[in-house]
Amino acid sequence: MRAEKRWTQEDLALEVGVSRQTINAIEKEKFDPSLPTAFRIARLFDLPIEKVFDYEDE
């Protein structure tokens, strides 16, 4: 979704208030964002959180 808007990881990080490394880790599924961060990302894309993030019960 970020790439579709032609945003860099840095662009998204600045909008959300996290580091570029955090965005990179979220995109590579190496890190799960906090709920506030996940909601900020979802709002930024004007989507429900379920459309942005998959949840797998382990």
Protein backbone atom coordinates (compact mmCIF):
# COMPACT_ATOMS: atom_id res chain seq x y z
CA MET A 1 0.00 0.00 0.00
CA ARG A 2 2.87 2.32 0.79
CA ALA A 3 4.46 1.74 -2.60
CA GLU A 4 1.15 2.34 -4.37
CA LYS A 5 1.15 5.85 -2.90
CA ARG A 6 4.79 6.25 -3.93
CA TRP A 7 5.82 6.83 -0.33
CA THR A 8 9.23 5.82 0.92
CA GLN A 9 9.58 3.99 4.20
CA GLU A 10 10.90 7.27 5.59
CA ASP A 11 7.78 9.13 4.37
CA LEU A 12 5.49 6.65 6.11
CA ALA A 13 7.62 6.62 9.24
CA LEU A 14 7.41 10.40 9.54
CA GLU A 15 3.63 10.36 9.08
CA VAL A 16 3.18 7.61 11.68
CA GLY A 17 5.79 8.86 14.16
CA VAL A 18 8.14 5.87 14.13
CA SER A 19 11.56 5.14 12.68
CA ARG A 20 12.18 3.98 9.13
CA GLN A 21 13.64 0.80 10.62
CA THR A 22 10.34 0.13 12.37
CA ILE A 23 8.43 0.42 9.09
CA ASN A 24 10.97 -1.89 7.44
CA ALA A 25 10.59 -4.49 10.20
CA ILE A 26 6.77 -4.32 10.03
CA GLU A 27 6.83 -4.76 6.25
CA LYS A 28 9.16 -7.77 6.54
CA GLU A 29 6.90 -9.22 9.25
CA LYS A 30 9.78 -9.25 11.74
CA PHE A 31 7.95 -6.90 14.12
CA ASP A 32 4.33 -6.44 15.13
CA PRO A 33 3.42 -2.79 15.66
CA SER A 34 1.83 -1.56 18.85
CA LEU A 35 -1.91 -1.03 18.64
CA PRO A 36 -1.61 2.77 18.52
CA THR A 37 0.91 2.50 15.66
CA ALA A 38 -1.23 -0.03 13.81
CA PHE A 39 -4.29 2.22 14.12
CA ARG A 40 -2.31 5.26 12.91
CA ILE A 41 -1.15 3.32 9.85
CA ALA A 42 -4.68 2.07 9.11
CA ARG A 43 -6.14 5.58 9.45
CA LEU A 44 -3.46 6.98 7.18
CA PHE A 45 -4.54 4.56 4.44
CA ASP A 46 -8.22 5.13 5.30
CA LEU A 47 -8.75 1.41 5.85
CA PRO A 48 -9.96 -0.75 8.73
CA ILE A 49 -7.06 -2.22 10.67
CA GLU A 50 -8.07 -5.73 9.52
CA LYS A 51 -7.44 -4.71 5.89
CA VAL A 52 -3.91 -3.53 6.71
CA PHE A 53 -2.72 -6.23 9.12
CA ASP A 54 -3.28 -9.98 9.19
CA TYR A 55 -3.71 -11.65 12.53
CA GLU A 56 -2.77 -15.27 12.97
CA ASP A 57 -3.58 -16.90 16.29
CA GLU A 58 -0.56 -19.01 17.17
